[in-house]
C-alpha atoms as a PDB file:
ATOM      1  CA  MET A   1      11.102  -2.513  32.151  1.00  0.00           C
ATOM      2  CA  ARG A   2       9.298  -2.587  28.818  1.00  0.00           C
ATOM      3  CA  GLN A   3      10.289   0.038  26.275  1.00  0.00           C
ATOM      4  CA  GLU A   4       7.686   1.625  24.046  1.00  0.00           C
ATOM      5  CA  ARG A   5       8.539   1.654  20.356  1.00  0.00           C
ATOM      6  CA  GLY A   6       7.224   3.912  17.629  1.00  0.00           C
ATOM      7  CA  PRO A   7       6.005   2.614  14.284  1.00  0.00           C
ATOM      8  CA  SER A   8       8.661   0.964  12.155  1.00  0.00           C
ATOM      9  CA  GLU A   9       9.885   2.516   8.944  1.00  0.00           C
ATOM     10  CA  ASP A  10       7.953  -0.095   6.939  1.00  0.00           C
ATOM     11  CA  ASN A  11       4.716   0.863   8.662  1.00  0.00           C
ATOM     12  CA  ALA A  12       5.400   4.564   8.055  1.00  0.00           C
ATOM     13  CA  ILE A  13       5.859   3.886   4.325  1.00  0.00           C
ATOM     14  CA  LEU A  14       2.659   1.844   4.252  1.00  0.00           C
ATOM     15  CA  ALA A  15       0.767   4.592   6.088  1.00  0.00           C
ATOM     16  CA  LYS A  16       2.088   7.221   3.660  1.00  0.00           C
ATOM     17  CA  ARG A  17       0.984   5.222   0.641  1.00  0.00           C
ATOM     18  CA  ALA A  18      -2.372   4.363   2.173  1.00  0.00           C
ATOM     19  CA  SER A  19      -3.057   7.999   2.978  1.00  0.00           C
ATOM     20  CA  PHE A  20      -2.578   9.104  -0.610  1.00  0.00           C
ATOM     21  CA  THR A  21      -3.742   6.194  -2.744  1.00  0.00           C
ATOM     22  CA  GLY A  22      -5.882   4.336  -0.242  1.00  0.00           C
ATOM     23  CA  PHE A  23      -6.014   0.597   0.133  1.00  0.00           C
ATOM     24  CA  ARG A  24      -9.492  -0.825  -0.276  1.00  0.00           C
ATOM     25  CA  LEU A  25     -10.857  -3.694   1.732  1.00  0.00           C
ATOM     26  CA  PRO A  26     -13.414  -5.539  -0.398  1.00  0.00           C
ATOM     27  CA  PHE A  27     -16.403  -6.993   1.360  1.00  0.00           C
ATOM     28  CA  ALA A  28     -20.116  -7.156   0.733  1.00  0.00           C
ATOM     29  CA  GLY A  29     -22.449  -4.561   2.151  1.00  0.00           C
ATOM     30  CA  GLY A  30     -20.109  -1.613   1.775  1.00  0.00           C
ATOM     31  CA  GLY A  31     -18.058  -2.249   4.877  1.00  0.00           C
ATOM     32  CA  THR A  32     -20.459  -4.150   7.089  1.00  0.00           C
ATOM     33  CA  LEU A  33     -18.464  -6.987   8.569  1.00  0.00           C
ATOM     34  CA  SER A  34     -19.452  -8.860  11.674  1.00  0.00           C
ATOM     35  CA  ILE A  35     -17.507  -8.091  14.852  1.00  0.00           C
ATOM     36  CA  LEU A  36     -15.894 -11.549  14.712  1.00  0.00           C
ATOM     37  CA  ALA A  37     -14.820 -11.034  11.081  1.00  0.00           C
ATOM     38  CA  ARG A  38     -13.341  -7.633  11.955  1.00  0.00           C
ATOM     39  CA  LEU A  39     -11.445  -9.081  14.908  1.00  0.00           C
ATOM     40  CA  LYS A  40     -10.036 -11.854  12.715  1.00  0.00           C
ATOM     41  CA  ARG A  41      -8.930  -9.332  10.094  1.00  0.00           C
ATOM     42  CA  TRP A  42      -7.343  -7.055  12.705  1.00  0.00           C
ATOM     43  CA  ALA A  43      -5.521 -10.007  14.273  1.00  0.00           C
ATOM     44  CA  ALA A  44      -4.156 -11.012  10.871  1.00  0.00           C
ATOM     45  CA  GLU A  45      -3.047  -7.428  10.236  1.00  0.00           C
ATOM     46  CA  LEU A  46      -1.272  -7.312  13.603  1.00  0.00           C
ATOM     47  CA  VAL A  47       0.602 -10.499  12.766  1.00  0.00           C
ATOM     48  CA  TRP A  48       1.520  -8.958   9.385  1.00  0.00           C
ATOM     49  CA  VAL A  49       2.861  -5.794  11.081  1.00  0.00           C
ATOM     50  CA  ALA A  50       4.897  -7.849  13.559  1.00  0.00           C
ATOM     51  CA  THR A  51       6.463  -9.977  10.809  1.00  0.00           C
ATOM     52  CA  PRO A  52       9.819  -8.720   9.481  1.00  0.00           C
ATOM     53  CA  ALA A  53       9.402  -6.956   6.133  1.00  0.00           C
ATOM     54  CA  SER A  54      11.630  -9.455   4.341  1.00  0.00           C
ATOM     55  CA  GLU A  55       9.345 -12.331   5.365  1.00  0.00           C
ATOM     56  CA  ARG A  56       5.879 -10.933   4.674  1.00  0.00           C
ATOM     57  CA  PRO A  57       3.765 -10.168   1.614  1.00  0.00           C
ATOM     58  CA  ASP A  58       3.571  -6.582   0.369  1.00  0.00           C
ATOM     59  CA  LEU A  59       0.012  -6.007   1.588  1.00  0.00           C
ATOM     60  CA  PRO A  60      -1.669  -6.940   4.848  1.00  0.00           C
ATOM     61  CA  PRO A  61      -4.212  -9.774   4.765  1.00  0.00           C
ATOM     62  CA  GLY A  62      -7.491  -8.737   3.205  1.00  0.00           C
ATOM     63  CA  ALA A  63      -6.067  -5.584   1.655  1.00  0.00           C
ATOM     64  CA  TYR A  64      -6.804  -4.966  -1.969  1.00  0.00           C
ATOM     65  CA  GLU A  65      -4.587  -2.836  -4.134  1.00  0.00           C
ATOM     66  CA  SER A  66      -6.476  -1.619  -7.192  1.00  0.00           C
ATOM     67  CA  PRO A  67      -4.762  -1.495 -10.594  1.00  0.00           C
ATOM     68  CA  LEU A  68      -4.562   2.296 -10.186  1.00  0.00           C
ATOM     69  CA  ASP A  69      -2.900   1.927  -6.778  1.00  0.00           C
ATOM     70  CA  LYS A  70      -0.469  -0.680  -8.121  1.00  0.00           C
ATOM     71  CA  LEU A  71       0.557   1.539 -11.006  1.00  0.00           C
ATOM     72  CA  GLY A  72       0.912   4.606  -8.767  1.00  0.00           C
ATOM     73  CA  ASN A  73       2.965   2.631  -6.259  1.00  0.00           C
ATOM     74  CA  ARG A  74       5.213   1.276  -9.009  1.00  0.00           C
ATOM     75  CA  ALA A  75       5.824   4.860 -10.174  1.00  0.00           C
ATOM     76  CA  ALA A  76       6.615   5.901  -6.593  1.00  0.00           C
ATOM     77  CA  ASP A  77       8.990   2.944  -6.188  1.00  0.00           C
ATOM     78  CA  ALA A  78      10.808   3.820  -9.438  1.00  0.00           C
ATOM     79  CA  LEU A  79      11.115   7.403  -8.268  1.00  0.00           C
ATOM     80  CA  GLU A  80      12.458   6.345  -4.850  1.00  0.00           C
ATOM     81  CA  THR A  81      15.121   4.160  -6.485  1.00  0.00           C
ATOM     82  CA  GLY A  82      16.158   6.942  -8.874  1.00  0.00           C
ATOM     83  CA  ASP A  83      14.921   5.162 -12.005  1.00  0.00           C
ATOM     84  CA  TYR A  84      13.525   8.337 -13.557  1.00  0.00           C
ATOM     85  CA  GLU A  85      13.076   6.833 -17.010  1.00  0.00           C
ATOM     86  CA  LYS A  86      10.835   4.082 -15.640  1.00  0.00           C
ATOM     87  CA  ALA A  87       9.022   6.569 -13.396  1.00  0.00           C
ATOM     88  CA  GLU A  88       8.356   8.806 -16.423  1.00  0.00           C
ATOM     89  CA  LYS A  89       6.859   5.919 -18.390  1.00  0.00           C
ATOM     90  CA  LEU A  90       4.684   4.866 -15.465  1.00  0.00           C
ATOM     91  CA  CYS A  91       3.491   8.441 -14.870  1.00  0.00           C
ATOM     92  CA  GLN A  92       2.566   8.810 -18.538  1.00  0.00           C
ATOM     93  CA  ARG A  93       0.728   5.484 -18.366  1.00  0.00           C
ATOM     94  CA  LEU A  94      -1.125   6.669 -15.268  1.00  0.00           C
ATOM     95  CA  LEU A  95      -2.200   9.826 -17.094  1.00  0.00           C
ATOM     96  CA  ARG A  96      -3.275   7.854 -20.156  1.00  0.00           C
ATOM     97  CA  GLU A  97      -5.155   5.076 -18.359  1.00  0.00           C
ATOM     98  CA  TYR A  98      -6.579   7.112 -15.443  1.00  0.00           C
ATOM     99  CA  PRO A  99      -6.928  10.706 -16.710  1.00  0.00           C
ATOM    100  CA  THR A 100      -9.345  11.742 -13.953  1.00  0.00           C
ATOM    101  CA  ALA A 101      -7.279  10.296 -11.080  1.00  0.00           C
ATOM    102  CA  LEU A 102      -4.976  12.609  -9.143  1.00  0.00           C
ATOM    103  CA  ASP A 103      -2.178  10.046  -8.900  1.00  0.00           C
ATOM    104  CA  GLY A 104      -0.644  10.565 -12.351  1.00  0.00           C
ATOM    105  CA  ARG A 105      -0.175  14.321 -12.045  1.00  0.00           C
ATOM    106  CA  GLN A 106       0.935  14.043  -8.419  1.00  0.00           C
ATOM    107  CA  ARG A 107       3.565  11.427  -9.264  1.00  0.00           C
ATOM    108  CA  LEU A 108       4.667  13.437 -12.306  1.00  0.00           C
ATOM    109  CA  GLY A 109       5.110  16.495 -10.078  1.00  0.00           C
ATOM    110  CA  GLU A 110       7.212  14.431  -7.674  1.00  0.00           C
ATOM    111  CA  LEU A 111       9.308  13.166 -10.596  1.00  0.00           C
ATOM    112  CA  ARG A 112       9.878  16.670 -11.988  1.00  0.00           C
ATOM    113  CA  GLU A 113      10.885  17.856  -8.537  1.00  0.00           C
ATOM    114  CA  ALA A 114      13.365  14.982  -8.144  1.00  0.00           C
ATOM    115  CA  GLN A 115      14.793  15.872 -11.569  1.00  0.00           C
ATOM    116  CA  GLY A 116      15.321  19.471 -10.451  1.00  0.00           C
ATOM    117  CA  ARG A 117      12.660  20.731 -12.869  1.00  0.00           C
ATOM    118  CA  PHE A 118      10.927  22.739 -10.169  1.00  0.00           C
ATOM    119  CA  GLN A 119       8.782  25.029 -12.338  1.00  0.00           C
ATOM    120  CA  GLU A 120       7.341  22.011 -14.172  1.00  0.00           C
ATOM    121  CA  ALA A 121       6.771  20.274 -10.839  1.00  0.00           C
ATOM    122  CA  ALA A 122       4.854  23.295  -9.536  1.00  0.00           C
ATOM    123  CA  GLU A 123       2.752  23.297 -12.723  1.00  0.00           C
ATOM    124  CA  GLU A 124       1.862  19.624 -12.257  1.00  0.00           C
ATOM    125  CA  TYR A 125       0.894  20.209  -8.630  1.00  0.00           C
ATOM    126  CA  ALA A 126      -1.202  23.205  -9.741  1.00  0.00           C
ATOM    127  CA  LYS A 127      -3.003  20.927 -12.221  1.00  0.00           C
ATOM    128  CA  VAL A 128      -3.767  18.510  -9.380  1.00  0.00           C
ATOM    129  CA  LEU A 129      -5.223  21.364  -7.326  1.00  0.00           C
ATOM    130  CA  ALA A 130      -7.293  22.552 -10.313  1.00  0.00           C
ATOM    131  CA  GLN A 131      -8.576  19.008 -10.764  1.00  0.00           C
ATOM    132  CA  ILE A 132      -9.569  18.899  -7.092  1.00  0.00           C
ATOM    133  CA  ARG A 133     -11.355  22.264  -7.371  1.00  0.00           C
ATOM    134  CA  ALA A 134     -13.246  21.033 -10.440  1.00  0.00           C
ATOM    135  CA  ASN A 135     -14.352  17.873  -8.643  1.00  0.00           C
ATOM    136  CA  PRO A 136     -13.872  18.153  -4.859  1.00  0.00           C
ATOM    137  CA  ASP A 137     -16.005  15.121  -3.979  1.00  0.00           C
ATOM    138  CA  GLY A 138     -14.053  12.545  -2.029  1.00  0.00           C
ATOM    139  CA  THR A 139     -10.912  14.655  -1.610  1.00  0.00           C
ATOM    140  CA  ASP A 140     -10.014  15.305   2.007  1.00  0.00           C
ATOM    141  CA  GLU A 141      -8.383  18.445   3.370  1.00  0.00           C
ATOM    142  CA  GLU A 142      -5.165  16.573   4.139  1.00  0.00           C
ATOM    143  CA  THR A 143      -4.680  15.728   0.453  1.00  0.00           C
ATOM    144  CA  VAL A 144      -5.318  19.347  -0.563  1.00  0.00           C
ATOM    145  CA  ARG A 145      -2.848  20.552   2.059  1.00  0.00           C
ATOM    146  CA  TYR A 146      -0.241  17.984   0.953  1.00  0.00           C
ATOM    147  CA  VAL A 147      -0.469  18.960  -2.720  1.00  0.00           C
ATOM    148  CA  THR A 148      -0.499  22.672  -1.868  1.00  0.00           C
ATOM    149  CA  GLU A 149       2.661  22.267   0.225  1.00  0.00           C
ATOM    150  CA  ASN A 150       4.315  20.377  -2.642  1.00  0.00           C
ATOM    151  CA  ARG A 151       3.386  23.141  -5.099  1.00  0.00           C
ATOM    152  CA  ASP A 152       4.621  25.887  -2.787  1.00  0.00           C
ATOM    153  CA  ARG A 153       7.894  24.053  -2.119  1.00  0.00           C
ATOM    154  CA  ALA A 154       8.493  23.523  -5.850  1.00  0.00           C
ATOM    155  CA  LEU A 155       7.734  27.194  -6.565  1.00  0.00           C
ATOM    156  CA  ALA A 156      10.170  28.306  -3.870  1.00  0.00           C
ATOM    157  CA  LYS A 157      12.876  26.055  -5.315  1.00  0.00           C
ATOM    158  CA  ALA A 158      12.163  27.339  -8.837  1.00  0.00           C
ATOM    159  CA  ARG A 159      12.515  30.947  -7.651  1.00  0.00           C
ATOM    160  CA  ALA A 160      15.730  30.147  -5.765  1.00  0.00           C
ATOM    161  CA  LYS A 161      17.130  28.403  -8.817  1.00  0.00           C
ATOM    162  CA  GLY A 162      16.388  31.553 -10.820  1.00  0.00           C
END
């Protein structure tokens, strides 16, 4: 009997990153690929997913990671490994090079939270929400909900910390 499996941890991490920063698939015509081209791309992506993480490239075939995405992902990786000094530098670089992007403030909020600086984390998340309110175009409800939950969690931790 065949057992059904859920998505692997690698795929969950990829999905999490894609949902916040968004991979872009470059092709002419703003997304108009032929059916055959789409099938070929999907087949290549399925092979990528089925390949063990240690044996495959970081991105699926045809995926494009913008310089902003790369920098944001490097900051997230530094944060995940506990390299807060590197994460701080990357967050500051994000803010300097992409001042209108949400990524820098979001990553800085995550860093402050990991450092136990909950009030500062909540302030960074609040800045992200203010930025979204000032320019809501292209921001989905899921992102707003995610940042709001992060802010509320950081505020609750700040209050508990006293």
